[in-house]
Amino acid sequence: MKFLAHGLAMLLLLLLIVVPVAAADDSRYSYLTVQSVEIHLDNHDAKVNVTYTIDDGVQILVHLLGMSDLREKVLEVVNFKGATIEEITMDHAVLTIPGVGLDYGRGTFWFPEHEFPVKIPSLVVASPQDRRAFQNTAVFPEGMGYFKA
């Protein structure tokens, strides 16, 4: 039992050393390196697909300690209030965001400007009528209007 406790303590110490050194990349958030975010708008709601990599040294910790911290990091990266995770793995997550589209009536909606805490290498926002793609950005600028499908 002591061996396991010492081993976990050493892994956590390694994590504390590795994460700050690797934090220089703009697309990094803690031990995650974001690769892409795709937001699919559907009336009031949105489905978000996030792809990322996890630092090699941390993957073992995630396997040993569970996905709760990874879930928290992914929610922080997308930065939407009320987001829930439907699916999460070691390299991607699928989230739903209820009520993210503002209803302007008569089947018209508005997805407002949105900021992320990191630069997203590939950001796609898609509605039933339009698709906008951005590279290396931390913001979806100006918002986007769309219609019910």
N, C-alpha and C. Protein backbone atom coordinates (compact mmCIF):
# COMPACT_ATOMS: atom_id res chain seq x y z
N MET A 1 0.82 -1.18 0.00
CA MET A 1 0.00 0.00 0.00
C MET A 1 0.87 1.25 0.00
N LYS A 2 1.95 1.22 0.78
CA LYS A 2 2.86 2.37 0.81
C LYS A 2 3.50 2.59 -0.56
N PHE A 3 3.81 1.48 -1.23
CA PHE A 3 4.43 1.58 -2.55
C PHE A 3 3.50 2.30 -3.53
N LEU A 4 2.21 1.95 -3.49
CA LEU A 4 1.23 2.60 -4.36
C LEU A 4 1.11 4.08 -4.04
N ALA A 5 1.07 4.43 -2.77
CA ALA A 5 0.98 5.84 -2.37
C ALA A 5 2.21 6.60 -2.81
N HIS A 6 3.39 6.00 -2.65
CA HIS A 6 4.63 6.67 -3.09
C HIS A 6 4.65 6.80 -4.61
N GLY A 7 4.19 5.79 -5.30
CA GLY A 7 4.15 5.84 -6.77
C GLY A 7 3.23 6.94 -7.26
N LEU A 8 2.06 7.05 -6.66
CA LEU A 8 1.13 8.12 -7.05
C LEU A 8 1.70 9.49 -6.71
N ALA A 9 2.36 9.61 -5.58
CA ALA A 9 2.97 10.88 -5.21
C ALA A 9 4.04 11.27 -6.23
N MET A 10 4.83 10.31 -6.67
CA MET A 10 5.87 10.59 -7.67
C MET A 10 5.24 11.00 -9.01
N LEU A 11 4.16 10.33 -9.40
CA LEU A 11 3.49 10.69 -10.64
C LEU A 11 2.91 12.11 -10.57
N LEU A 12 2.32 12.45 -9.44
CA LEU A 12 1.79 13.80 -9.27
C LEU A 12 2.90 14.84 -9.28
N LEU A 13 4.03 14.54 -8.67
CA LEU A 13 5.18 15.45 -8.70
C LEU A 13 5.67 15.63 -10.13
N LEU A 14 5.73 14.54 -10.87
CA LEU A 14 6.12 14.62 -12.28
C LEU A 14 5.14 15.48 -13.07
N LEU A 15 3.86 15.34 -12.80
CA LEU A 15 2.84 16.14 -13.46
C LEU A 15 3.06 17.63 -13.18
N LEU A 16 3.35 17.97 -11.93
CA LEU A 16 3.57 19.36 -11.58
C LEU A 16 4.79 19.94 -12.28
N ILE A 17 5.77 19.11 -12.57
CA ILE A 17 6.96 19.58 -13.27
C ILE A 17 6.73 19.66 -14.77
N VAL A 18 6.08 18.66 -15.36
CA VAL A 18 5.90 18.58 -16.80
C VAL A 18 4.94 19.65 -17.32
N VAL A 19 3.82 19.86 -16.66
CA VAL A 19 2.78 20.76 -17.17
C VAL A 19 3.27 22.21 -17.31
N PRO A 20 3.93 22.83 -16.30
CA PRO A 20 4.38 24.20 -16.49
C PRO A 20 5.42 24.36 -17.60
N VAL A 21 6.28 23.38 -17.77
CA VAL A 21 7.30 23.46 -18.81
C VAL A 21 6.64 23.44 -20.18
N ALA A 22 5.59 22.66 -20.34
CA ALA A 22 4.95 22.50 -21.64
C ALA A 22 3.91 23.58 -21.93
N ALA A 23 3.67 24.49 -21.01
CA ALA A 23 2.57 25.44 -21.15
C ALA A 23 2.83 26.59 -22.12
N ALA A 24 3.94 26.60 -22.81
CA ALA A 24 4.27 27.70 -23.72
C ALA A 24 3.42 27.70 -24.99
N ASP A 25 2.85 26.60 -25.39
CA ASP A 25 2.04 26.49 -26.59
C ASP A 25 0.69 27.16 -26.38
N ASP A 26 0.28 28.04 -27.30
CA ASP A 26 -0.99 28.77 -27.18
C ASP A 26 -2.22 27.88 -27.23
N SER A 27 -2.10 26.68 -27.81
CA SER A 27 -3.25 25.79 -27.92
C SER A 27 -3.32 24.81 -26.75
N ARG A 28 -2.46 25.00 -25.76
CA ARG A 28 -2.44 24.12 -24.59
C ARG A 28 -3.30 24.69 -23.48
N TYR A 29 -3.96 23.79 -22.80
CA TYR A 29 -4.69 24.14 -21.58
C TYR A 29 -4.34 23.06 -20.58
N SER A 30 -3.50 23.38 -19.64
CA SER A 30 -2.99 22.42 -18.68
C SER A 30 -2.28 21.30 -19.44
N TYR A 31 -2.73 20.07 -19.30
CA TYR A 31 -2.09 18.95 -19.99
C TYR A 31 -2.75 18.61 -21.32
N LEU A 32 -3.74 19.40 -21.75
CA LEU A 32 -4.42 19.19 -23.04
C LEU A 32 -3.82 20.10 -24.10
N THR A 33 -3.63 19.57 -25.29
CA THR A 33 -3.32 20.39 -26.45
C THR A 33 -4.49 20.26 -27.40
N VAL A 34 -5.21 21.36 -27.58
CA VAL A 34 -6.41 21.35 -28.41
C VAL A 34 -6.00 21.30 -29.87
N GLN A 35 -6.66 20.44 -30.64
CA GLN A 35 -6.41 20.35 -32.07
C GLN A 35 -7.53 21.00 -32.87
N SER A 36 -8.79 20.76 -32.46
CA SER A 36 -9.90 21.35 -33.20
C SER A 36 -11.15 21.42 -32.34
N VAL A 37 -12.02 22.36 -32.70
CA VAL A 37 -13.33 22.49 -32.10
C VAL A 37 -14.32 22.69 -33.24
N GLU A 38 -15.35 21.86 -33.27
CA GLU A 38 -16.43 22.00 -34.26
C GLU A 38 -17.73 22.20 -33.50
N ILE A 39 -18.43 23.30 -33.83
CA ILE A 39 -19.70 23.63 -33.19
C ILE A 39 -20.79 23.51 -34.24
N HIS A 40 -21.75 22.63 -34.00
CA HIS A 40 -22.87 22.42 -34.92
C HIS A 40 -24.14 22.96 -34.28
N LEU A 41 -24.67 24.03 -34.86
CA LEU A 41 -25.84 24.71 -34.31
C LEU A 41 -27.13 24.06 -34.82
N ASP A 42 -28.08 23.87 -33.91
CA ASP A 42 -29.37 23.29 -34.25
C ASP A 42 -30.43 23.96 -33.39
N ASN A 43 -31.11 24.94 -33.97
CA ASN A 43 -32.09 25.73 -33.23
C ASN A 43 -31.43 26.37 -32.01
N HIS A 44 -31.98 26.13 -30.82
CA HIS A 44 -31.43 26.73 -29.60
C HIS A 44 -30.12 26.08 -29.15
N ASP A 45 -29.92 24.85 -29.55
CA ASP A 45 -28.85 24.04 -28.98
C ASP A 45 -27.66 23.90 -29.92
N ALA A 46 -26.58 23.36 -29.37
CA ALA A 46 -25.38 23.09 -30.17
C ALA A 46 -24.76 21.79 -29.71
N LYS A 47 -24.11 21.14 -30.64
CA LYS A 47 -23.29 19.97 -30.35
C LYS A 47 -21.86 20.38 -30.68
N VAL A 48 -20.94 20.09 -29.76
CA VAL A 48 -19.55 20.50 -29.92
C VAL A 48 -18.66 19.27 -29.90
N ASN A 49 -17.81 19.16 -30.91
CA ASN A 49 -16.80 18.11 -30.97
C ASN A 49 -15.44 18.74 -30.74
N VAL A 50 -14.73 18.24 -29.74
CA VAL A 50 -13.40 18.76 -29.41
C VAL A 50 -12.41 17.62 -29.58
N THR A 51 -11.34 17.88 -30.34
CA THR A 51 -10.26 16.90 -30.43
C THR A 51 -9.03 17.51 -29.76
N TYR A 52 -8.25 16.65 -29.11
CA TYR A 52 -7.10 17.11 -28.33
C TYR A 52 -6.14 15.96 -28.14
N THR A 53 -4.96 16.29 -27.65
CA THR A 53 -4.01 15.28 -27.20
C THR A 53 -3.74 15.55 -25.72
N ILE A 54 -3.36 14.50 -25.03
CA ILE A 54 -3.01 14.59 -23.61
C ILE A 54 -1.53 14.30 -23.50
N ASP A 55 -0.84 15.09 -22.70
CA ASP A 55 0.59 14.86 -22.49
C ASP A 55 0.84 13.41 -22.13
N ASP A 56 1.92 12.84 -22.68
CA ASP A 56 2.24 11.43 -22.45
C ASP A 56 2.31 11.07 -20.98
N GLY A 57 2.99 11.87 -20.18
CA GLY A 57 3.14 11.57 -18.77
C GLY A 57 1.83 11.60 -18.00
N VAL A 58 0.86 12.32 -18.50
CA VAL A 58 -0.41 12.48 -17.80
C VAL A 58 -1.40 11.39 -18.20
N GLN A 59 -1.24 10.80 -19.36
CA GLN A 59 -2.17 9.77 -19.81
C GLN A 59 -2.30 8.65 -18.78
N ILE A 60 -1.19 8.27 -18.18
CA ILE A 60 -1.21 7.21 -17.17
C ILE A 60 -2.05 7.64 -15.97
N LEU A 61 -1.88 8.90 -15.56
CA LEU A 61 -2.66 9.40 -14.43
C LEU A 61 -4.15 9.40 -14.74
N VAL A 62 -4.51 9.79 -15.95
CA VAL A 62 -5.92 9.81 -16.33
C VAL A 62 -6.48 8.40 -16.28
N HIS A 63 -5.70 7.43 -16.78
CA HIS A 63 -6.15 6.03 -16.73
C HIS A 63 -6.29 5.55 -15.29
N LEU A 64 -5.34 5.91 -14.43
CA LEU A 64 -5.36 5.44 -13.04
C LEU A 64 -6.42 6.14 -12.19
N LEU A 65 -6.52 7.45 -12.35
CA LEU A 65 -7.38 8.24 -11.46
C LEU A 65 -8.76 8.53 -12.02
N GLY A 66 -8.98 8.20 -13.28
CA GLY A 66 -10.29 8.41 -13.87
C GLY A 66 -10.37 9.68 -14.70
N MET A 67 -11.53 9.90 -15.30
CA MET A 67 -11.73 10.97 -16.26
C MET A 67 -12.26 12.27 -15.67
N SER A 68 -12.46 12.35 -14.37
CA SER A 68 -13.11 13.54 -13.81
C SER A 68 -12.32 14.82 -14.07
N ASP A 69 -11.01 14.80 -13.91
CA ASP A 69 -10.22 16.00 -14.17
C ASP A 69 -10.20 16.33 -15.66
N LEU A 70 -10.13 15.30 -16.50
CA LEU A 70 -10.18 15.52 -17.95
C LEU A 70 -11.50 16.16 -18.34
N ARG A 71 -12.59 15.68 -17.77
CA ARG A 71 -13.91 16.28 -18.03
C ARG A 71 -13.92 17.77 -17.68
N GLU A 72 -13.37 18.09 -16.53
CA GLU A 72 -13.31 19.49 -16.09
C GLU A 72 -12.48 20.34 -17.05
N LYS A 73 -11.35 19.82 -17.48
CA LYS A 73 -10.48 20.57 -18.41
C LYS A 73 -11.19 20.80 -19.75
N VAL A 74 -11.87 19.80 -20.26
CA VAL A 74 -12.58 19.94 -21.53
C VAL A 74 -13.69 20.99 -21.41
N LEU A 75 -14.44 20.96 -20.32
CA LEU A 75 -15.49 21.96 -20.11
C LEU A 75 -14.90 23.36 -20.02
N GLU A 76 -13.75 23.50 -19.38
CA GLU A 76 -13.09 24.80 -19.30
C GLU A 76 -12.60 25.28 -20.67
N VAL A 77 -12.12 24.37 -21.48
CA VAL A 77 -11.63 24.73 -22.82
C VAL A 77 -12.76 25.25 -23.70
N VAL A 78 -13.92 24.59 -23.69
CA VAL A 78 -15.02 25.06 -24.55
C VAL A 78 -15.65 26.33 -24.02
N ASN A 79 -15.67 26.50 -22.69
CA ASN A 79 -16.07 27.75 -22.07
C ASN A 79 -17.53 28.14 -22.35
N PHE A 80 -18.43 27.17 -22.31
CA PHE A 80 -19.87 27.43 -22.46
C PHE A 80 -20.57 27.06 -21.16
N LYS A 81 -21.35 27.98 -20.62
CA LYS A 81 -22.14 27.66 -19.43
C LYS A 81 -23.21 26.64 -19.80
N GLY A 82 -23.41 25.68 -18.93
CA GLY A 82 -24.45 24.68 -19.14
C GLY A 82 -24.07 23.54 -20.06
N ALA A 83 -22.82 23.50 -20.52
CA ALA A 83 -22.39 22.41 -21.40
C ALA A 83 -22.34 21.10 -20.62
N THR A 84 -22.74 20.03 -21.29
CA THR A 84 -22.65 18.70 -20.70
C THR A 84 -21.90 17.79 -21.66
N ILE A 85 -21.16 16.88 -21.08
CA ILE A 85 -20.36 15.95 -21.89
C ILE A 85 -21.17 14.69 -22.15
N GLU A 86 -21.35 14.37 -23.43
CA GLU A 86 -22.04 13.15 -23.83
C GLU A 86 -21.06 11.98 -23.94
N GLU A 87 -19.87 12.28 -24.43
CA GLU A 87 -18.86 11.25 -24.69
C GLU A 87 -17.49 11.86 -24.48
N ILE A 88 -16.59 11.10 -23.87
CA ILE A 88 -15.23 11.58 -23.69
C ILE A 88 -14.27 10.40 -23.76
N THR A 89 -13.18 10.60 -24.49
CA THR A 89 -12.12 9.60 -24.60
C THR A 89 -10.79 10.31 -24.39
N MET A 90 -9.72 9.60 -24.61
CA MET A 90 -8.40 10.18 -24.42
C MET A 90 -8.00 11.14 -25.54
N ASP A 91 -8.80 11.23 -26.62
CA ASP A 91 -8.43 12.16 -27.70
C ASP A 91 -9.58 13.02 -28.22
N HIS A 92 -10.79 12.83 -27.74
CA HIS A 92 -11.88 13.70 -28.18
C HIS A 92 -13.05 13.67 -27.18
N ALA A 93 -13.89 14.69 -27.30
CA ALA A 93 -15.09 14.76 -26.47
C ALA A 93 -16.22 15.33 -27.31
N VAL A 94 -17.44 14.90 -26.99
CA VAL A 94 -18.64 15.42 -27.63
C VAL A 94 -19.49 16.01 -26.51
N LEU A 95 -19.88 17.28 -26.70
CA LEU A 95 -20.65 18.00 -25.70
C LEU A 95 -21.94 18.52 -26.30
N THR A 96 -22.95 18.72 -25.46
CA THR A 96 -24.16 19.42 -25.88
C THR A 96 -24.26 20.69 -25.06
N ILE A 97 -24.76 21.73 -25.71
CA ILE A 97 -24.94 23.01 -25.05
C ILE A 97 -26.37 23.46 -25.31
N PRO A 98 -27.23 23.34 -24.30
CA PRO A 98 -28.61 23.78 -24.48
C PRO A 98 -28.73 25.30 -24.41
N GLY A 99 -29.59 25.84 -25.24
CA GLY A 99 -29.90 27.26 -25.17
C GLY A 99 -28.82 28.21 -25.62
N VAL A 100 -27.82 27.74 -26.35
CA VAL A 100 -26.73 28.62 -26.78
C VAL A 100 -27.17 29.55 -27.91
N GLY A 101 -28.15 29.12 -28.70
CA GLY A 101 -28.67 29.95 -29.78
C GLY A 101 -29.79 30.85 -29.26
N LEU A 102 -29.63 32.13 -29.44
CA LEU A 102 -30.64 33.08 -28.99
C LEU A 102 -31.79 33.10 -30.00
N ASP A 103 -33.00 32.91 -29.52
CA ASP A 103 -34.18 32.83 -30.38
C ASP A 103 -34.68 34.23 -30.70
N TYR A 104 -34.67 34.60 -31.97
CA TYR A 104 -35.18 35.90 -32.41
C TYR A 104 -36.59 35.79 -32.96
N GLY A 105 -37.21 34.63 -32.84
CA GLY A 105 -38.58 34.42 -33.31
C GLY A 105 -38.64 34.02 -34.78
N ARG A 106 -39.77 33.43 -35.14
CA ARG A 106 -40.03 33.00 -36.52
C ARG A 106 -38.92 32.12 -37.10
N GLY A 107 -38.35 31.28 -36.26
CA GLY A 107 -37.34 30.32 -36.73
C GLY A 107 -35.97 30.92 -36.99
N THR A 108 -35.71 32.11 -36.46
CA THR A 108 -34.38 32.71 -36.62
C THR A 108 -33.64 32.69 -35.29
N PHE A 109 -32.34 32.44 -35.38
CA PHE A 109 -31.50 32.31 -34.19
C PHE A 109 -30.21 33.10 -34.37
N TRP A 110 -29.56 33.38 -33.23
CA TRP A 110 -28.28 34.09 -33.24
C TRP A 110 -27.32 33.36 -32.31
N PHE A 111 -26.16 33.00 -32.85
CA PHE A 111 -25.08 32.44 -32.05
C PHE A 111 -24.08 33.57 -31.83
N PRO A 112 -23.94 34.06 -30.59
CA PRO A 112 -23.11 35.24 -30.35
C PRO A 112 -21.61 34.95 -30.39
N GLU A 113 -20.85 36.03 -30.43
CA GLU A 113 -19.39 35.92 -30.33
C GLU A 113 -19.04 35.08 -29.11
N HIS A 114 -17.95 34.31 -29.23
CA HIS A 114 -17.56 33.42 -28.13
C HIS A 114 -16.05 33.39 -28.00
N GLU A 115 -15.56 33.42 -26.76
CA GLU A 115 -14.11 33.37 -26.50
C GLU A 115 -13.74 32.05 -25.85
N PHE A 116 -12.55 31.57 -26.21
CA PHE A 116 -11.97 30.36 -25.63
C PHE A 116 -10.75 30.76 -24.82
N PRO A 117 -10.37 29.99 -23.83
CA PRO A 117 -9.19 30.33 -23.03
C PRO A 117 -7.86 30.00 -23.72
N VAL A 118 -7.91 29.37 -24.88
CA VAL A 118 -6.71 29.01 -25.64
C VAL A 118 -6.96 29.29 -27.12
N LYS A 119 -5.88 29.33 -27.90
CA LYS A 119 -6.05 29.40 -29.35
C LYS A 119 -6.47 28.03 -29.86
N ILE A 120 -7.45 28.05 -30.72
CA ILE A 120 -7.95 26.82 -31.33
C ILE A 120 -7.33 26.72 -32.72
N PRO A 121 -6.53 25.70 -32.99
CA PRO A 121 -5.89 25.59 -34.32
C PRO A 121 -6.90 25.51 -35.46
N SER A 122 -8.01 24.80 -35.25
CA SER A 122 -9.04 24.68 -36.28
C SER A 122 -10.40 24.79 -35.61
N LEU A 123 -11.10 25.91 -35.88
CA LEU A 123 -12.42 26.15 -35.33
C LEU A 123 -13.43 26.20 -36.46
N VAL A 124 -14.48 25.40 -36.35
CA VAL A 124 -15.57 25.40 -37.33
C VAL A 124 -16.88 25.63 -36.59
N VAL A 125 -17.67 26.59 -37.09
CA VAL A 125 -19.01 26.81 -36.57
C VAL A 125 -19.96 26.62 -37.75
N ALA A 126 -20.89 25.67 -37.59
CA ALA A 126 -21.79 25.33 -38.69
C ALA A 126 -23.24 25.42 -38.25
N SER A 127 -24.05 26.05 -39.10
CA SER A 127 -25.50 26.11 -38.90
C SER A 127 -26.13 25.34 -40.06
N PRO A 128 -27.46 25.21 -40.07
CA PRO A 128 -28.08 24.54 -41.21
C PRO A 128 -27.82 25.26 -42.55
N GLN A 129 -27.51 26.57 -42.53
CA GLN A 129 -27.32 27.32 -43.77
C GLN A 129 -25.87 27.72 -44.06
N ASP A 130 -25.02 27.72 -43.07
CA ASP A 130 -23.69 28.31 -43.24
C ASP A 130 -22.65 27.51 -42.48
N ARG A 131 -21.41 27.70 -42.88
CA ARG A 131 -20.27 27.05 -42.22
C ARG A 131 -19.12 28.05 -42.25
N ARG A 132 -18.59 28.35 -41.07
CA ARG A 132 -17.46 29.28 -40.98
C ARG A 132 -16.28 28.55 -40.35
N ALA A 133 -15.11 28.73 -40.95
CA ALA A 133 -13.90 28.07 -40.46
C ALA A 133 -12.84 29.12 -40.14
N PHE A 134 -12.14 28.89 -39.04
CA PHE A 134 -11.09 29.79 -38.59
C PHE A 134 -9.87 28.97 -38.19
N GLN A 135 -8.70 29.58 -38.33
CA GLN A 135 -7.45 28.93 -37.96
C GLN A 135 -6.78 29.76 -36.86
N ASN A 136 -6.22 29.07 -35.88
CA ASN A 136 -5.44 29.70 -34.81
C ASN A 136 -6.13 30.92 -34.21
N THR A 137 -7.28 30.71 -33.64
CA THR A 137 -8.04 31.80 -33.05
C THR A 137 -8.52 31.41 -31.65
N ALA A 138 -8.67 32.39 -30.79
CA ALA A 138 -9.22 32.17 -29.46
C ALA A 138 -10.62 32.76 -29.35
N VAL A 139 -11.16 33.22 -30.50
CA VAL A 139 -12.48 33.84 -30.47
C VAL A 139 -13.24 33.51 -31.75
N PHE A 140 -14.54 33.27 -31.59
CA PHE A 140 -15.44 33.23 -32.73
C PHE A 140 -16.01 34.63 -32.81
N PRO A 141 -15.61 35.43 -33.83
CA PRO A 141 -15.94 36.85 -33.84
C PRO A 141 -17.34 37.15 -34.39
N GLU A 142 -17.91 38.20 -33.88
CA GLU A 142 -19.11 38.84 -34.40
C GLU A 142 -20.40 38.04 -34.29
N GLY A 143 -20.37 36.77 -34.06
CA GLY A 143 -21.57 35.96 -34.01
C GLY A 143 -22.06 35.56 -35.38
N MET A 144 -23.18 34.83 -35.41
CA MET A 144 -23.69 34.32 -36.68
C MET A 144 -25.19 34.09 -36.55
N GLY A 145 -25.96 34.59 -37.51
CA GLY A 145 -27.38 34.34 -37.58
C GLY A 145 -27.66 33.08 -38.38
N TYR A 146 -28.75 32.39 -38.04
CA TYR A 146 -29.11 31.19 -38.77
C TYR A 146 -30.61 30.92 -38.60
N PHE A 147 -31.11 30.00 -39.41
CA PHE A 147 -32.53 29.68 -39.42
C PHE A 147 -32.75 28.24 -38.99
N LYS A 148 -33.95 28.00 -38.51
CA LYS A 148 -34.35 26.64 -38.13
C LYS A 148 -34.22 25.72 -39.35
N ALA A 149 -33.75 24.53 -39.10
CA ALA A 149 -33.55 23.56 -40.21
C ALA A 149 -34.86 23.05 -40.74
